[in-house]
Amino acid sequence: MSETQVFVVDDDPAMRAALCSVIGALGLAAAAFDSGAALLRSIDADDCGCVLIDFRMPQMNGLELQQNLHRRNIRLPVIIITAFGEVPTAVEALRNGAIDFLEKPFREEQLARCIGRALAIDRDQRLQSAQQEEIAARLERLDDKLREVLDRLCAGQSNRTIAKALGLSIRAVELRRSRLMAVMESTNLAELIRMVSLAERRSRC
């Protein structure tokens, strides 16, 4: 996994320098870019951190850069910087997936809070993604018999109902359920259902 960074995108050299100075004072690494195109040439889906984007830039504004990041499956949390009073812009940014916005002029502590929240979101997203991948790998190890039991358990069927539907004894269903729990590394039915739900959310992304 790459180093956590705050990616700063602003066409104003003085603002870039000021933002990077604050980020550095927070003990974080900053990577500065003068345009959205420059960021897109350097950023990768495996990068960790967040993106701080000035809305008003030539060629590609902040919302357009957001959309380009999304199309490239780069899910880093985005913070938009807007001029004072640009509320419609901020609302649109949030609707497009930005996690926060800052209105100029803003205080250093406001910036620090936004960045801290964005980095926490990124960590949580990556932890969830790793969990989803592990669960998907366990699901791949299930044979057809165990998968059928899993599907019926997730549909709310009891052991007795499953046994009747599959023409098995209740004991046979219990044994399959026990093997299913072992493969999925689950301790109870509620945890198993949460695992399946998490894996399904990953497949929809």
C-alpha atoms as a PDB file:
ATOM      1  CA  MET A   1       0.000   0.000   0.000  1.00  0.00           C
ATOM      2  CA  SER A   2       1.308   3.460  -0.896  1.00  0.00           C
ATOM      3  CA  GLU A   3       2.087   6.224   1.587  1.00  0.00           C
ATOM      4  CA  THR A   4      -0.867   8.284   2.799  1.00  0.00           C
ATOM      5  CA  GLN A   5      -0.830  11.638   1.032  1.00  0.00           C
ATOM      6  CA  VAL A   6      -2.969  14.725   0.658  1.00  0.00           C
ATOM      7  CA  PHE A   7      -3.205  15.499  -3.051  1.00  0.00           C
ATOM      8  CA  VAL A   8      -3.523  19.268  -3.526  1.00  0.00           C
ATOM      9  CA  VAL A   9      -4.877  20.589  -6.830  1.00  0.00           C
ATOM     10  CA  ASP A  10      -4.849  24.372  -7.305  1.00  0.00           C
ATOM     11  CA  ASP A  11      -3.688  26.539 -10.211  1.00  0.00           C
ATOM     12  CA  ASP A  12      -2.572  29.324  -7.821  1.00  0.00           C
ATOM     13  CA  PRO A  13       1.085  28.722  -6.797  1.00  0.00           C
ATOM     14  CA  ALA A  14       0.749  30.776  -3.608  1.00  0.00           C
ATOM     15  CA  MET A  15      -2.350  28.858  -2.495  1.00  0.00           C
ATOM     16  CA  ARG A  16      -0.689  25.506  -3.303  1.00  0.00           C
ATOM     17  CA  ALA A  17       2.317  26.467  -1.212  1.00  0.00           C
ATOM     18  CA  ALA A  18       0.154  27.645   1.694  1.00  0.00           C
ATOM     19  CA  LEU A  19      -1.943  24.482   1.672  1.00  0.00           C
ATOM     20  CA  CYS A  20       1.137  22.245   1.513  1.00  0.00           C
ATOM     21  CA  SER A  21       2.678  24.177   4.404  1.00  0.00           C
ATOM     22  CA  VAL A  22      -0.353  23.545   6.610  1.00  0.00           C
ATOM     23  CA  ILE A  23      -0.476  19.884   5.580  1.00  0.00           C
ATOM     24  CA  GLY A  24       3.205  19.476   6.366  1.00  0.00           C
ATOM     25  CA  ALA A  25       2.682  21.070   9.787  1.00  0.00           C
ATOM     26  CA  LEU A  26       0.094  18.362  10.459  1.00  0.00           C
ATOM     27  CA  GLY A  27       2.790  15.762   9.898  1.00  0.00           C
ATOM     28  CA  LEU A  28       1.321  14.635   6.588  1.00  0.00           C
ATOM     29  CA  ALA A  29       2.814  14.272   3.115  1.00  0.00           C
ATOM     30  CA  ALA A  30       1.474  16.579   0.407  1.00  0.00           C
ATOM     31  CA  ALA A  31       1.611  16.152  -3.364  1.00  0.00           C
ATOM     32  CA  ALA A  32       0.837  19.369  -5.246  1.00  0.00           C
ATOM     33  CA  PHE A  33      -0.537  19.764  -8.787  1.00  0.00           C
ATOM     34  CA  ASP A  34      -1.374  22.867 -10.810  1.00  0.00           C
ATOM     35  CA  SER A  35      -4.249  21.282 -12.743  1.00  0.00           C
ATOM     36  CA  GLY A  36      -6.661  18.383 -12.784  1.00  0.00           C
ATOM     37  CA  ALA A  37      -4.885  16.926 -15.799  1.00  0.00           C
ATOM     38  CA  ALA A  38      -1.579  16.900 -13.898  1.00  0.00           C
ATOM     39  CA  LEU A  39      -3.193  15.036 -11.004  1.00  0.00           C
ATOM     40  CA  LEU A  40      -4.792  12.467 -13.307  1.00  0.00           C
ATOM     41  CA  ARG A  41      -1.408  11.714 -14.864  1.00  0.00           C
ATOM     42  CA  SER A  42       0.027  10.861 -11.445  1.00  0.00           C
ATOM     43  CA  ILE A  43      -2.706   9.454  -9.220  1.00  0.00           C
ATOM     44  CA  ASP A  44      -3.573   5.775  -9.015  1.00  0.00           C
ATOM     45  CA  ALA A  45      -6.483   3.754  -7.635  1.00  0.00           C
ATOM     46  CA  ASP A  46      -4.113   2.212  -5.046  1.00  0.00           C
ATOM     47  CA  ASP A  47      -3.090   5.590  -3.625  1.00  0.00           C
ATOM     48  CA  CYS A  48      -4.069   6.349  -0.028  1.00  0.00           C
ATOM     49  CA  GLY A  49      -5.175   9.645   1.440  1.00  0.00           C
ATOM     50  CA  CYS A  50      -7.509  12.344   0.148  1.00  0.00           C
ATOM     51  CA  VAL A  51      -7.759  15.000  -2.567  1.00  0.00           C
ATOM     52  CA  LEU A  52      -8.052  18.727  -1.913  1.00  0.00           C
ATOM     53  CA  ILE A  53      -9.385  20.469  -5.039  1.00  0.00           C
ATOM     54  CA  ASP A  54      -9.912  24.142  -5.800  1.00  0.00           C
ATOM     55  CA  PHE A  55     -13.175  24.497  -7.677  1.00  0.00           C
ATOM     56  CA  ARG A  56     -12.261  27.352 -10.016  1.00  0.00           C
ATOM     57  CA  MET A  57      -9.508  26.167 -12.323  1.00  0.00           C
ATOM     58  CA  PRO A  58      -9.067  26.583 -16.088  1.00  0.00           C
ATOM     59  CA  GLN A  59      -9.610  23.651 -18.493  1.00  0.00           C
ATOM     60  CA  MET A  60     -10.994  21.332 -15.806  1.00  0.00           C
ATOM     61  CA  ASN A  61     -12.851  22.634 -12.769  1.00  0.00           C
ATOM     62  CA  GLY A  62     -13.206  20.824  -9.467  1.00  0.00           C
ATOM     63  CA  LEU A  63     -16.475  19.071 -10.295  1.00  0.00           C
ATOM     64  CA  GLU A  64     -15.125  17.852 -13.627  1.00  0.00           C
ATOM     65  CA  LEU A  65     -12.025  16.525 -11.875  1.00  0.00           C
ATOM     66  CA  GLN A  66     -14.272  14.721  -9.373  1.00  0.00           C
ATOM     67  CA  GLN A  67     -16.087  13.048 -12.244  1.00  0.00           C
ATOM     68  CA  ASN A  68     -12.812  12.007 -13.896  1.00  0.00           C
ATOM     69  CA  LEU A  69     -11.546  10.480 -10.663  1.00  0.00           C
ATOM     70  CA  HIS A  70     -14.780   8.528 -10.305  1.00  0.00           C
ATOM     71  CA  ARG A  71     -14.597   7.240 -13.885  1.00  0.00           C
ATOM     72  CA  ARG A  72     -11.084   5.965 -13.170  1.00  0.00           C
ATOM     73  CA  ASN A  73     -12.336   4.171 -10.051  1.00  0.00           C
ATOM     74  CA  ILE A  74     -10.239   6.405  -7.798  1.00  0.00           C
ATOM     75  CA  ARG A  75     -12.300   6.572  -4.627  1.00  0.00           C
ATOM     76  CA  LEU A  76     -10.160   8.860  -2.491  1.00  0.00           C
ATOM     77  CA  PRO A  77     -12.262  11.249  -0.382  1.00  0.00           C
ATOM     78  CA  VAL A  78     -12.521  14.671  -2.037  1.00  0.00           C
ATOM     79  CA  ILE A  79     -12.624  18.081  -0.347  1.00  0.00           C
ATOM     80  CA  ILE A  80     -13.654  21.001  -2.571  1.00  0.00           C
ATOM     81  CA  ILE A  81     -12.419  24.559  -1.973  1.00  0.00           C
ATOM     82  CA  THR A  82     -14.907  27.197  -3.135  1.00  0.00           C
ATOM     83  CA  ALA A  83     -15.014  30.968  -3.172  1.00  0.00           C
ATOM     84  CA  PHE A  84     -17.129  32.682  -0.534  1.00  0.00           C
ATOM     85  CA  GLY A  85     -20.847  32.323  -1.229  1.00  0.00           C
ATOM     86  CA  GLU A  86     -20.648  29.551  -3.855  1.00  0.00           C
ATOM     87  CA  VAL A  87     -23.196  27.418  -2.007  1.00  0.00           C
ATOM     88  CA  PRO A  88     -24.730  25.846  -5.161  1.00  0.00           C
ATOM     89  CA  THR A  89     -21.262  24.709  -6.210  1.00  0.00           C
ATOM     90  CA  ALA A  90     -20.654  23.175  -2.782  1.00  0.00           C
ATOM     91  CA  VAL A  91     -24.001  21.378  -2.827  1.00  0.00           C
ATOM     92  CA  GLU A  92     -23.300  19.961  -6.283  1.00  0.00           C
ATOM     93  CA  ALA A  93     -19.872  18.800  -5.135  1.00  0.00           C
ATOM     94  CA  LEU A  94     -21.403  16.954  -2.194  1.00  0.00           C
ATOM     95  CA  ARG A  95     -23.995  15.341  -4.452  1.00  0.00           C
ATOM     96  CA  ASN A  96     -21.165  14.178  -6.708  1.00  0.00           C
ATOM     97  CA  GLY A  97     -19.454  12.462  -3.796  1.00  0.00           C
ATOM     98  CA  ALA A  98     -17.262  15.079  -2.138  1.00  0.00           C
ATOM     99  CA  ILE A  99     -17.111  14.485   1.598  1.00  0.00           C
ATOM    100  CA  ASP A 100     -16.709  18.163   2.510  1.00  0.00           C
ATOM    101  CA  PHE A 101     -16.116  21.671   1.207  1.00  0.00           C
ATOM    102  CA  LEU A 102     -14.269  24.722   2.450  1.00  0.00           C
ATOM    103  CA  GLU A 103     -15.300  28.291   1.689  1.00  0.00           C
ATOM    104  CA  LYS A 104     -12.510  30.830   1.249  1.00  0.00           C
ATOM    105  CA  PRO A 105     -11.255  32.347   3.416  1.00  0.00           C
ATOM    106  CA  PHE A 106     -10.966  29.449   5.862  1.00  0.00           C
ATOM    107  CA  ARG A 107      -8.914  28.913   8.998  1.00  0.00           C
ATOM    108  CA  GLU A 108      -6.112  26.386   9.319  1.00  0.00           C
ATOM    109  CA  GLU A 109      -8.024  24.468  11.971  1.00  0.00           C
ATOM    110  CA  GLN A 110     -10.968  24.087   9.571  1.00  0.00           C
ATOM    111  CA  LEU A 111      -8.646  22.630   6.964  1.00  0.00           C
ATOM    112  CA  ALA A 112      -7.079  20.309   9.534  1.00  0.00           C
ATOM    113  CA  ARG A 113     -10.499  19.009  10.626  1.00  0.00           C
ATOM    114  CA  CYS A 114     -11.590  18.372   7.019  1.00  0.00           C
ATOM    115  CA  ILE A 115      -8.386  16.531   6.187  1.00  0.00           C
ATOM    116  CA  GLY A 116      -8.551  14.452   9.372  1.00  0.00           C
ATOM    117  CA  ARG A 117     -12.110  13.395   8.577  1.00  0.00           C
ATOM    118  CA  ALA A 118     -11.213  12.585   4.957  1.00  0.00           C
ATOM    119  CA  LEU A 119      -8.255  10.422   5.973  1.00  0.00           C
ATOM    120  CA  ALA A 120     -10.411   8.564   8.518  1.00  0.00           C
ATOM    121  CA  ILE A 121     -12.977   7.871   5.787  1.00  0.00           C
ATOM    122  CA  ASP A 122     -10.238   6.602   3.475  1.00  0.00           C
ATOM    123  CA  ARG A 123      -8.916   4.249   6.166  1.00  0.00           C
ATOM    124  CA  ASP A 124     -12.410   2.927   6.860  1.00  0.00           C
ATOM    125  CA  GLN A 125     -13.101   2.401   3.151  1.00  0.00           C
ATOM    126  CA  ARG A 126      -9.866   0.480   2.678  1.00  0.00           C
ATOM    127  CA  LEU A 127     -10.515  -1.680   5.730  1.00  0.00           C
ATOM    128  CA  GLN A 128     -13.992  -2.492   4.439  1.00  0.00           C
ATOM    129  CA  SER A 129     -12.608  -3.236   0.971  1.00  0.00           C
ATOM    130  CA  ALA A 130     -10.057  -5.652   2.453  1.00  0.00           C
ATOM    131  CA  GLN A 131     -12.820  -7.365   4.446  1.00  0.00           C
ATOM    132  CA  GLN A 132     -14.989  -7.649   1.339  1.00  0.00           C
ATOM    133  CA  GLU A 133     -12.146  -9.239  -0.631  1.00  0.00           C
ATOM    134  CA  GLU A 134     -11.513 -11.778   2.129  1.00  0.00           C
ATOM    135  CA  ILE A 135     -15.208 -12.670   2.364  1.00  0.00           C
ATOM    136  CA  ALA A 136     -15.410 -13.020  -1.433  1.00  0.00           C
ATOM    137  CA  ALA A 137     -12.476 -15.417  -1.321  1.00  0.00           C
ATOM    138  CA  ARG A 138     -14.223 -17.537   1.328  1.00  0.00           C
ATOM    139  CA  LEU A 139     -17.431 -17.590  -0.730  1.00  0.00           C
ATOM    140  CA  GLU A 140     -15.434 -18.879  -3.701  1.00  0.00           C
ATOM    141  CA  ARG A 141     -14.378 -21.876  -1.592  1.00  0.00           C
ATOM    142  CA  LEU A 142     -17.980 -23.016  -1.047  1.00  0.00           C
ATOM    143  CA  ASP A 143     -19.188 -25.985  -3.089  1.00  0.00           C
ATOM    144  CA  ASP A 144     -22.693 -26.068  -4.583  1.00  0.00           C
ATOM    145  CA  LYS A 145     -24.195 -27.896  -1.587  1.00  0.00           C
ATOM    146  CA  LEU A 146     -22.877 -25.399   0.931  1.00  0.00           C
ATOM    147  CA  ARG A 147     -23.832 -22.477  -1.297  1.00  0.00           C
ATOM    148  CA  GLU A 148     -27.409 -23.727  -1.476  1.00  0.00           C
ATOM    149  CA  VAL A 149     -27.606 -23.935   2.304  1.00  0.00           C
ATOM    150  CA  LEU A 150     -26.117 -20.442   2.546  1.00  0.00           C
ATOM    151  CA  ASP A 151     -28.670 -18.976   0.134  1.00  0.00           C
ATOM    152  CA  ARG A 152     -31.555 -20.553   2.049  1.00  0.00           C
ATOM    153  CA  LEU A 153     -30.231 -19.399   5.417  1.00  0.00           C
ATOM    154  CA  CYS A 154     -29.916 -15.854   4.072  1.00  0.00           C
ATOM    155  CA  ALA A 155     -33.522 -16.113   2.864  1.00  0.00           C
ATOM    156  CA  GLY A 156     -34.552 -16.780   6.464  1.00  0.00           C
ATOM    157  CA  GLN A 157     -35.271 -20.508   6.172  1.00  0.00           C
ATOM    158  CA  SER A 158     -34.919 -22.757   9.213  1.00  0.00           C
ATOM    159  CA  ASN A 159     -32.947 -26.009   9.264  1.00  0.00           C
ATOM    160  CA  ARG A 160     -36.240 -27.923   9.148  1.00  0.00           C
ATOM    161  CA  THR A 161     -37.455 -25.981   6.077  1.00  0.00           C
ATOM    162  CA  ILE A 162     -34.115 -26.446   4.306  1.00  0.00           C
ATOM    163  CA  ALA A 163     -34.129 -30.180   5.069  1.00  0.00           C
ATOM    164  CA  LYS A 164     -37.622 -30.585   3.623  1.00  0.00           C
ATOM    165  CA  ALA A 165     -36.783 -28.529   0.502  1.00  0.00           C
ATOM    166  CA  LEU A 166     -33.584 -30.471  -0.211  1.00  0.00           C
ATOM    167  CA  GLY A 167     -34.874 -33.891   0.792  1.00  0.00           C
ATOM    168  CA  LEU A 168     -32.329 -34.194   3.605  1.00  0.00           C
ATOM    169  CA  SER A 169     -32.491 -35.052   7.269  1.00  0.00           C
ATOM    170  CA  ILE A 170     -32.245 -32.185   9.745  1.00  0.00           C
ATOM    171  CA  ARG A 171     -28.967 -33.710  10.943  1.00  0.00           C
ATOM    172  CA  ALA A 172     -27.551 -33.576   7.414  1.00  0.00           C
ATOM    173  CA  VAL A 173     -28.497 -29.889   7.165  1.00  0.00           C
ATOM    174  CA  GLU A 174     -26.895 -29.227  10.537  1.00  0.00           C
ATOM    175  CA  LEU A 175     -23.663 -30.843   9.343  1.00  0.00           C
ATOM    176  CA  ARG A 176     -23.652 -28.771   6.147  1.00  0.00           C
ATOM    177  CA  ARG A 177     -24.374 -25.647   8.156  1.00  0.00           C
ATOM    178  CA  SER A 178     -21.471 -26.460  10.469  1.00  0.00           C
ATOM    179  CA  ARG A 179     -19.115 -26.890   7.490  1.00  0.00           C
ATOM    180  CA  LEU A 180     -20.438 -23.666   5.997  1.00  0.00           C
ATOM    181  CA  MET A 181     -19.659 -21.758   9.191  1.00  0.00           C
ATOM    182  CA  ALA A 182     -16.166 -23.239   9.270  1.00  0.00           C
ATOM    183  CA  VAL A 183     -15.357 -22.269   5.663  1.00  0.00           C
ATOM    184  CA  MET A 184     -16.773 -18.766   6.159  1.00  0.00           C
ATOM    185  CA  GLU A 185     -15.013 -18.452   9.543  1.00  0.00           C
ATOM    186  CA  SER A 186     -18.275 -17.297  11.076  1.00  0.00           C
ATOM    187  CA  THR A 187     -19.364 -17.941  14.659  1.00  0.00           C
ATOM    188  CA  ASN A 188     -23.115 -17.409  14.246  1.00  0.00           C
ATOM    189  CA  LEU A 189     -25.859 -16.850  11.679  1.00  0.00           C
ATOM    190  CA  ALA A 190     -26.085 -13.088  12.198  1.00  0.00           C
ATOM    191  CA  GLU A 191     -22.371 -12.701  11.452  1.00  0.00           C
ATOM    192  CA  LEU A 192     -22.709 -14.927   8.389  1.00  0.00           C
ATOM    193  CA  ILE A 193     -25.542 -12.819   6.989  1.00  0.00           C
ATOM    194  CA  ARG A 194     -23.547  -9.619   7.608  1.00  0.00           C
ATOM    195  CA  MET A 195     -20.648 -11.143   5.669  1.00  0.00           C
ATOM    196  CA  VAL A 196     -22.863 -11.962   2.693  1.00  0.00           C
ATOM    197  CA  SER A 197     -24.372  -8.467   2.768  1.00  0.00           C
ATOM    198  CA  LEU A 198     -20.905  -6.910   2.762  1.00  0.00           C
ATOM    199  CA  ALA A 199     -19.819  -9.061  -0.184  1.00  0.00           C
ATOM    200  CA  GLU A 200     -22.961  -8.125  -2.111  1.00  0.00           C
ATOM    201  CA  ARG A 201     -22.267  -4.408  -1.610  1.00  0.00           C
ATOM    202  CA  ARG A 202     -18.798  -4.941  -3.087  1.00  0.00           C
ATOM    203  CA  SER A 203     -20.232  -6.679  -6.180  1.00  0.00           C
ATOM    204  CA  ARG A 204     -22.597  -3.744  -6.789  1.00  0.00           C
ATOM    205  CA  CYS A 205     -19.798  -1.176  -6.742  1.00  0.00           C
END
